[in-house]
Amino acid sequence: MFRPGPYICSEWDLGGFPSWLLRDPHMNLRSNYKPYLTAVGKYFEKILEILNKYQFTKGGPIIALQVENELGGIYNAEQREYMTFLKDTITKSGFNELLFINNYNTIEVLKKNGTYPGKYKIFYQV
């Protein structure tokens, strides 16, 4: 199971984001802010170029990829667009294994606010 980010976890400084993103005084992480999406797109392009050959269906050890981490559900159209961007960027690269999300909300919250676009396996934390 591969966890490339872009947000890795709160235990890392800035969630694992590179600090140079904050040079932009308007930076809005984990959003549809164009400079953020551009940086994430370039990052995923490079990292997926390396790891795609290690997919299980190509004889490698990677059976799944985590998309985001602990985002907490989709509460509005912007968050849906953001998750769609991440999913599309990953799948356009040729990654075909399971996509998963580690989430801290309950099924009831996701039913109320919407789930993630596409086919994901969602793991919940209590």
N, C-alpha and C. Protein backbone atom coordinates (compact mmCIF):
# COMPACT_ATOMS: atom_id res chain seq x y z
N MET A 1 0.86 -1.17 0.00
CA MET A 1 0.00 0.00 0.00
C MET A 1 0.91 1.23 0.00
N PHE A 2 0.71 2.05 -0.98
CA PHE A 2 1.57 3.21 -1.17
C PHE A 2 0.84 4.48 -0.76
N ARG A 3 1.50 5.33 0.00
CA ARG A 3 0.88 6.57 0.50
C ARG A 3 1.70 7.78 0.05
N PRO A 4 1.51 8.24 -1.17
CA PRO A 4 2.33 9.36 -1.66
C PRO A 4 1.86 10.74 -1.24
N GLY A 5 0.68 10.87 -0.66
CA GLY A 5 0.14 12.19 -0.32
C GLY A 5 -0.90 12.61 -1.34
N PRO A 6 -1.14 13.87 -1.58
CA PRO A 6 -0.26 14.97 -1.21
C PRO A 6 -0.22 15.24 0.29
N TYR A 7 -1.32 15.08 1.01
CA TYR A 7 -1.30 15.23 2.45
C TYR A 7 -1.05 13.85 3.03
N ILE A 8 -0.02 13.72 3.87
CA ILE A 8 0.34 12.40 4.37
C ILE A 8 -0.26 12.15 5.75
N CYS A 9 0.01 13.04 6.70
CA CYS A 9 -0.60 12.91 8.02
C CYS A 9 -0.24 14.10 8.88
N SER A 10 -1.06 14.34 9.89
CA SER A 10 -0.86 15.51 10.74
C SER A 10 0.37 15.39 11.63
N GLU A 11 0.90 14.18 11.78
CA GLU A 11 2.09 14.00 12.61
C GLU A 11 3.36 14.52 11.92
N TRP A 12 3.30 14.74 10.62
CA TRP A 12 4.43 15.29 9.89
C TRP A 12 4.31 16.81 9.87
N ASP A 13 5.44 17.50 9.83
CA ASP A 13 5.40 18.96 9.70
C ASP A 13 4.62 19.32 8.44
N LEU A 14 3.66 20.19 8.58
CA LEU A 14 2.82 20.66 7.48
C LEU A 14 2.14 19.51 6.74
N GLY A 15 1.90 18.41 7.46
CA GLY A 15 1.21 17.27 6.87
C GLY A 15 2.02 16.54 5.81
N GLY A 16 3.31 16.85 5.71
CA GLY A 16 4.15 16.25 4.69
C GLY A 16 4.32 17.12 3.45
N PHE A 17 3.62 18.25 3.41
CA PHE A 17 3.79 19.16 2.28
C PHE A 17 5.16 19.83 2.36
N PRO A 18 5.76 20.12 1.22
CA PRO A 18 7.03 20.87 1.26
C PRO A 18 6.76 22.31 1.70
N SER A 19 7.63 22.83 2.55
CA SER A 19 7.43 24.17 3.10
C SER A 19 7.49 25.26 2.04
N TRP A 20 8.13 24.99 0.90
CA TRP A 20 8.23 26.03 -0.13
C TRP A 20 6.86 26.42 -0.68
N LEU A 21 5.84 25.58 -0.49
CA LEU A 21 4.50 25.96 -0.92
C LEU A 21 4.03 27.24 -0.21
N LEU A 22 4.53 27.46 0.99
CA LEU A 22 4.10 28.61 1.78
C LEU A 22 4.76 29.92 1.35
N ARG A 23 5.64 29.86 0.38
CA ARG A 23 6.19 31.11 -0.18
C ARG A 23 5.09 31.94 -0.83
N ASP A 24 4.07 31.26 -1.30
CA ASP A 24 2.92 31.94 -1.87
C ASP A 24 2.03 32.39 -0.71
N PRO A 25 1.88 33.70 -0.49
CA PRO A 25 1.09 34.17 0.65
C PRO A 25 -0.41 33.83 0.54
N HIS A 26 -0.86 33.42 -0.64
CA HIS A 26 -2.26 33.08 -0.83
C HIS A 26 -2.49 31.56 -0.88
N MET A 27 -1.43 30.80 -0.61
CA MET A 27 -1.52 29.34 -0.72
C MET A 27 -2.68 28.81 0.11
N ASN A 28 -3.45 27.94 -0.52
CA ASN A 28 -4.57 27.29 0.15
C ASN A 28 -4.40 25.79 -0.09
N LEU A 29 -3.82 25.11 0.89
CA LEU A 29 -3.54 23.68 0.77
C LEU A 29 -4.82 22.87 0.79
N ARG A 30 -4.77 21.73 0.11
CA ARG A 30 -5.90 20.80 0.06
C ARG A 30 -7.16 21.48 -0.49
N SER A 31 -6.96 22.23 -1.55
CA SER A 31 -8.05 23.00 -2.14
C SER A 31 -7.89 23.03 -3.66
N ASN A 32 -8.77 23.77 -4.32
CA ASN A 32 -8.69 23.93 -5.77
C ASN A 32 -7.89 25.17 -6.17
N TYR A 33 -7.13 25.73 -5.25
CA TYR A 33 -6.28 26.88 -5.55
C TYR A 33 -5.31 26.47 -6.65
N LYS A 34 -5.35 27.16 -7.77
CA LYS A 34 -4.63 26.76 -8.98
C LYS A 34 -3.14 26.48 -8.75
N PRO A 35 -2.38 27.37 -8.08
CA PRO A 35 -0.96 27.05 -7.86
C PRO A 35 -0.75 25.77 -7.03
N TYR A 36 -1.66 25.50 -6.11
CA TYR A 36 -1.56 24.26 -5.34
C TYR A 36 -1.80 23.05 -6.24
N LEU A 37 -2.86 23.11 -7.04
CA LEU A 37 -3.16 21.99 -7.95
C LEU A 37 -2.03 21.77 -8.95
N THR A 38 -1.43 22.84 -9.42
CA THR A 38 -0.29 22.72 -10.35
C THR A 38 0.86 21.98 -9.69
N ALA A 39 1.18 22.36 -8.46
CA ALA A 39 2.27 21.70 -7.73
C ALA A 39 1.96 20.22 -7.48
N VAL A 40 0.74 19.93 -7.07
CA VAL A 40 0.33 18.54 -6.83
C VAL A 40 0.38 17.74 -8.14
N GLY A 41 -0.11 18.33 -9.21
CA GLY A 41 -0.08 17.66 -10.51
C GLY A 41 1.34 17.29 -10.94
N LYS A 42 2.27 18.22 -10.77
CA LYS A 42 3.68 17.95 -11.13
C LYS A 42 4.27 16.87 -10.23
N TYR A 43 3.95 16.95 -8.95
CA TYR A 43 4.45 15.95 -7.99
C TYR A 43 3.94 14.56 -8.35
N PHE A 44 2.62 14.44 -8.57
CA PHE A 44 2.06 13.14 -8.91
C PHE A 44 2.60 12.63 -10.24
N GLU A 45 2.78 13.52 -11.19
CA GLU A 45 3.32 13.10 -12.48
C GLU A 45 4.67 12.43 -12.30
N LYS A 46 5.55 13.03 -11.50
CA LYS A 46 6.89 12.47 -11.28
C LYS A 46 6.85 11.18 -10.47
N ILE A 47 6.11 11.21 -9.36
CA ILE A 47 6.11 10.04 -8.48
C ILE A 47 5.43 8.84 -9.15
N LEU A 48 4.36 9.08 -9.89
CA LEU A 48 3.66 7.98 -10.55
C LEU A 48 4.45 7.44 -11.73
N GLU A 49 5.23 8.28 -12.36
CA GLU A 49 6.12 7.82 -13.43
C GLU A 49 7.08 6.77 -12.90
N ILE A 50 7.51 6.94 -11.66
CA ILE A 50 8.43 5.99 -11.03
C ILE A 50 7.70 4.74 -10.55
N LEU A 51 6.57 4.91 -9.87
CA LEU A 51 5.96 3.76 -9.20
C LEU A 51 4.99 2.95 -10.05
N ASN A 52 4.50 3.49 -11.14
CA ASN A 52 3.52 2.74 -11.94
C ASN A 52 4.03 1.37 -12.38
N LYS A 53 5.31 1.25 -12.63
CA LYS A 53 5.83 -0.05 -13.06
C LYS A 53 5.85 -1.07 -11.92
N TYR A 54 5.62 -0.61 -10.69
CA TYR A 54 5.61 -1.50 -9.54
C TYR A 54 4.20 -1.92 -9.11
N GLN A 55 3.21 -1.64 -9.95
CA GLN A 55 1.84 -2.07 -9.65
C GLN A 55 1.76 -3.59 -9.66
N PHE A 56 0.89 -4.11 -8.83
CA PHE A 56 0.70 -5.55 -8.73
C PHE A 56 0.34 -6.16 -10.09
N THR A 57 -0.53 -5.48 -10.84
CA THR A 57 -0.95 -6.02 -12.14
C THR A 57 0.18 -6.02 -13.17
N LYS A 58 1.29 -5.39 -12.81
CA LYS A 58 2.46 -5.40 -13.69
C LYS A 58 3.59 -6.22 -13.08
N GLY A 59 3.24 -7.01 -12.07
CA GLY A 59 4.21 -7.89 -11.43
C GLY A 59 4.91 -7.29 -10.22
N GLY A 60 4.50 -6.11 -9.80
CA GLY A 60 5.14 -5.45 -8.67
C GLY A 60 4.40 -5.65 -7.36
N PRO A 61 4.88 -5.02 -6.29
CA PRO A 61 4.29 -5.21 -4.96
C PRO A 61 3.18 -4.24 -4.58
N ILE A 62 2.92 -3.19 -5.37
CA ILE A 62 1.94 -2.18 -4.97
C ILE A 62 0.53 -2.64 -5.32
N ILE A 63 -0.28 -2.85 -4.27
CA ILE A 63 -1.66 -3.32 -4.48
C ILE A 63 -2.68 -2.20 -4.33
N ALA A 64 -2.26 -1.05 -3.76
CA ALA A 64 -3.20 0.04 -3.51
C ALA A 64 -2.45 1.34 -3.31
N LEU A 65 -3.17 2.44 -3.52
CA LEU A 65 -2.60 3.78 -3.34
C LEU A 65 -3.57 4.62 -2.52
N GLN A 66 -3.06 5.27 -1.49
CA GLN A 66 -3.90 6.14 -0.67
C GLN A 66 -3.97 7.51 -1.32
N VAL A 67 -5.19 8.00 -1.51
CA VAL A 67 -5.44 9.32 -2.06
C VAL A 67 -5.83 10.22 -0.89
N GLU A 68 -5.00 11.20 -0.60
CA GLU A 68 -5.26 12.09 0.54
C GLU A 68 -5.23 11.28 1.83
N ASN A 69 -5.43 11.94 2.94
CA ASN A 69 -5.45 11.28 4.23
C ASN A 69 -6.28 12.10 5.20
N GLU A 70 -7.26 11.48 5.80
CA GLU A 70 -8.07 12.09 6.85
C GLU A 70 -8.69 13.43 6.43
N LEU A 71 -9.18 13.50 5.22
CA LEU A 71 -9.84 14.73 4.76
C LEU A 71 -11.17 14.91 5.47
N GLY A 72 -11.81 13.83 5.82
CA GLY A 72 -13.01 13.91 6.63
C GLY A 72 -14.31 13.92 5.88
N GLY A 73 -14.30 13.66 4.62
CA GLY A 73 -15.54 13.64 3.86
C GLY A 73 -15.63 14.82 2.91
N ILE A 74 -16.67 14.81 2.12
CA ILE A 74 -16.88 15.89 1.16
C ILE A 74 -18.06 16.71 1.67
N TYR A 75 -17.79 17.97 1.95
CA TYR A 75 -18.80 18.84 2.52
C TYR A 75 -19.33 19.88 1.54
N ASN A 76 -18.65 20.01 0.39
CA ASN A 76 -19.10 21.00 -0.58
C ASN A 76 -18.56 20.64 -1.97
N ALA A 77 -18.98 21.39 -2.96
CA ALA A 77 -18.59 21.13 -4.34
C ALA A 77 -17.09 21.30 -4.55
N GLU A 78 -16.47 22.24 -3.85
CA GLU A 78 -15.03 22.45 -4.00
C GLU A 78 -14.25 21.21 -3.57
N GLN A 79 -14.63 20.61 -2.44
CA GLN A 79 -13.94 19.41 -2.00
C GLN A 79 -14.16 18.25 -2.97
N ARG A 80 -15.34 18.15 -3.56
CA ARG A 80 -15.60 17.11 -4.56
C ARG A 80 -14.70 17.32 -5.77
N GLU A 81 -14.57 18.57 -6.22
CA GLU A 81 -13.69 18.88 -7.35
C GLU A 81 -12.24 18.53 -7.03
N TYR A 82 -11.82 18.86 -5.82
CA TYR A 82 -10.45 18.57 -5.39
C TYR A 82 -10.17 17.06 -5.43
N MET A 83 -11.06 16.27 -4.85
CA MET A 83 -10.86 14.82 -4.85
C MET A 83 -10.95 14.25 -6.26
N THR A 84 -11.80 14.82 -7.10
CA THR A 84 -11.89 14.37 -8.49
C THR A 84 -10.58 14.67 -9.22
N PHE A 85 -10.01 15.84 -8.97
CA PHE A 85 -8.71 16.19 -9.56
C PHE A 85 -7.65 15.17 -9.17
N LEU A 86 -7.58 14.83 -7.88
CA LEU A 86 -6.58 13.86 -7.43
C LEU A 86 -6.79 12.50 -8.09
N LYS A 87 -8.02 12.03 -8.06
CA LYS A 87 -8.33 10.72 -8.66
C LYS A 87 -7.99 10.72 -10.15
N ASP A 88 -8.42 11.76 -10.87
CA ASP A 88 -8.17 11.82 -12.31
C ASP A 88 -6.69 11.90 -12.63
N THR A 89 -5.95 12.66 -11.84
CA THR A 89 -4.51 12.78 -12.05
C THR A 89 -3.83 11.43 -11.88
N ILE A 90 -4.25 10.70 -10.87
CA ILE A 90 -3.65 9.38 -10.61
C ILE A 90 -4.02 8.38 -11.70
N THR A 91 -5.28 8.31 -12.06
CA THR A 91 -5.70 7.32 -13.05
C THR A 91 -5.22 7.65 -14.46
N LYS A 92 -5.10 8.93 -14.78
CA LYS A 92 -4.58 9.32 -16.10
C LYS A 92 -3.12 8.91 -16.26
N SER A 93 -2.43 8.74 -15.15
CA SER A 93 -1.02 8.34 -15.21
C SER A 93 -0.87 6.88 -15.59
N GLY A 94 -1.98 6.12 -15.49
CA GLY A 94 -1.91 4.70 -15.77
C GLY A 94 -1.96 3.83 -14.52
N PHE A 95 -2.19 4.45 -13.37
CA PHE A 95 -2.31 3.66 -12.14
C PHE A 95 -3.68 3.01 -12.11
N ASN A 96 -3.70 1.67 -11.97
CA ASN A 96 -4.96 0.92 -12.08
C ASN A 96 -5.32 0.13 -10.83
N GLU A 97 -4.51 0.20 -9.80
CA GLU A 97 -4.79 -0.58 -8.59
C GLU A 97 -5.86 0.14 -7.75
N LEU A 98 -6.18 -0.46 -6.62
CA LEU A 98 -7.18 0.08 -5.70
C LEU A 98 -6.74 1.45 -5.18
N LEU A 99 -7.66 2.40 -5.17
CA LEU A 99 -7.45 3.68 -4.52
C LEU A 99 -8.17 3.63 -3.18
N PHE A 100 -7.53 4.14 -2.13
CA PHE A 100 -8.20 4.13 -0.84
C PHE A 100 -7.98 5.43 -0.10
N ILE A 101 -8.86 5.67 0.87
CA ILE A 101 -8.83 6.88 1.68
C ILE A 101 -8.96 6.47 3.13
N ASN A 102 -8.10 7.00 3.98
CA ASN A 102 -8.22 6.80 5.42
C ASN A 102 -9.01 7.98 5.94
N ASN A 103 -10.17 7.73 6.50
CA ASN A 103 -11.08 8.79 6.86
C ASN A 103 -11.45 8.71 8.32
N TYR A 104 -11.73 9.83 8.94
CA TYR A 104 -12.10 9.84 10.35
C TYR A 104 -13.58 10.09 10.59
N ASN A 105 -14.39 10.06 9.58
CA ASN A 105 -15.83 10.25 9.76
C ASN A 105 -16.57 8.93 9.69
N THR A 106 -17.80 8.98 10.10
CA THR A 106 -18.63 7.79 10.10
C THR A 106 -19.37 7.66 8.77
N ILE A 107 -19.92 6.51 8.54
CA ILE A 107 -20.71 6.28 7.33
C ILE A 107 -21.89 7.24 7.30
N GLU A 108 -22.48 7.52 8.45
CA GLU A 108 -23.63 8.44 8.50
C GLU A 108 -23.26 9.82 8.00
N VAL A 109 -22.07 10.32 8.39
CA VAL A 109 -21.62 11.64 7.94
C VAL A 109 -21.41 11.63 6.43
N LEU A 110 -20.81 10.56 5.92
CA LEU A 110 -20.58 10.49 4.47
C LEU A 110 -21.88 10.39 3.70
N LYS A 111 -22.85 9.67 4.23
CA LYS A 111 -24.16 9.59 3.57
C LYS A 111 -24.81 10.96 3.51
N LYS A 112 -24.66 11.72 4.58
CA LYS A 112 -25.27 13.05 4.65
C LYS A 112 -24.58 14.04 3.71
N ASN A 113 -23.25 14.01 3.67
CA ASN A 113 -22.48 15.03 2.96
C ASN A 113 -21.95 14.58 1.60
N GLY A 114 -22.10 13.32 1.28
CA GLY A 114 -21.59 12.83 0.01
C GLY A 114 -20.32 12.03 0.19
N THR A 115 -20.08 11.16 -0.74
CA THR A 115 -18.88 10.32 -0.69
C THR A 115 -17.92 10.78 -1.77
N TYR A 116 -16.85 10.07 -1.89
CA TYR A 116 -15.80 10.45 -2.82
C TYR A 116 -16.14 10.02 -4.24
N PRO A 117 -15.72 10.81 -5.22
CA PRO A 117 -16.01 10.46 -6.61
C PRO A 117 -15.20 9.25 -7.06
N GLY A 118 -15.81 8.39 -7.82
CA GLY A 118 -15.10 7.22 -8.33
C GLY A 118 -15.21 6.04 -7.38
N LYS A 119 -14.42 5.02 -7.66
CA LYS A 119 -14.46 3.81 -6.86
C LYS A 119 -13.29 3.82 -5.90
N TYR A 120 -13.60 3.99 -4.63
CA TYR A 120 -12.61 3.98 -3.57
C TYR A 120 -13.00 2.97 -2.52
N LYS A 121 -12.00 2.47 -1.84
CA LYS A 121 -12.22 1.75 -0.60
C LYS A 121 -11.97 2.77 0.49
N ILE A 122 -12.90 2.95 1.42
CA ILE A 122 -12.74 3.97 2.45
C ILE A 122 -12.55 3.28 3.79
N PHE A 123 -11.45 3.59 4.45
CA PHE A 123 -11.17 3.06 5.78
C PHE A 123 -11.53 4.13 6.79
N TYR A 124 -12.15 3.74 7.88
CA TYR A 124 -12.61 4.68 8.89
C TYR A 124 -11.81 4.54 10.17
N GLN A 125 -11.58 5.66 10.82
CA GLN A 125 -10.98 5.67 12.14
C GLN A 125 -12.08 6.01 13.13
N VAL A 126 -11.98 5.44 14.30
CA VAL A 126 -12.98 5.73 15.32
C VAL A 126 -12.39 6.68 16.34
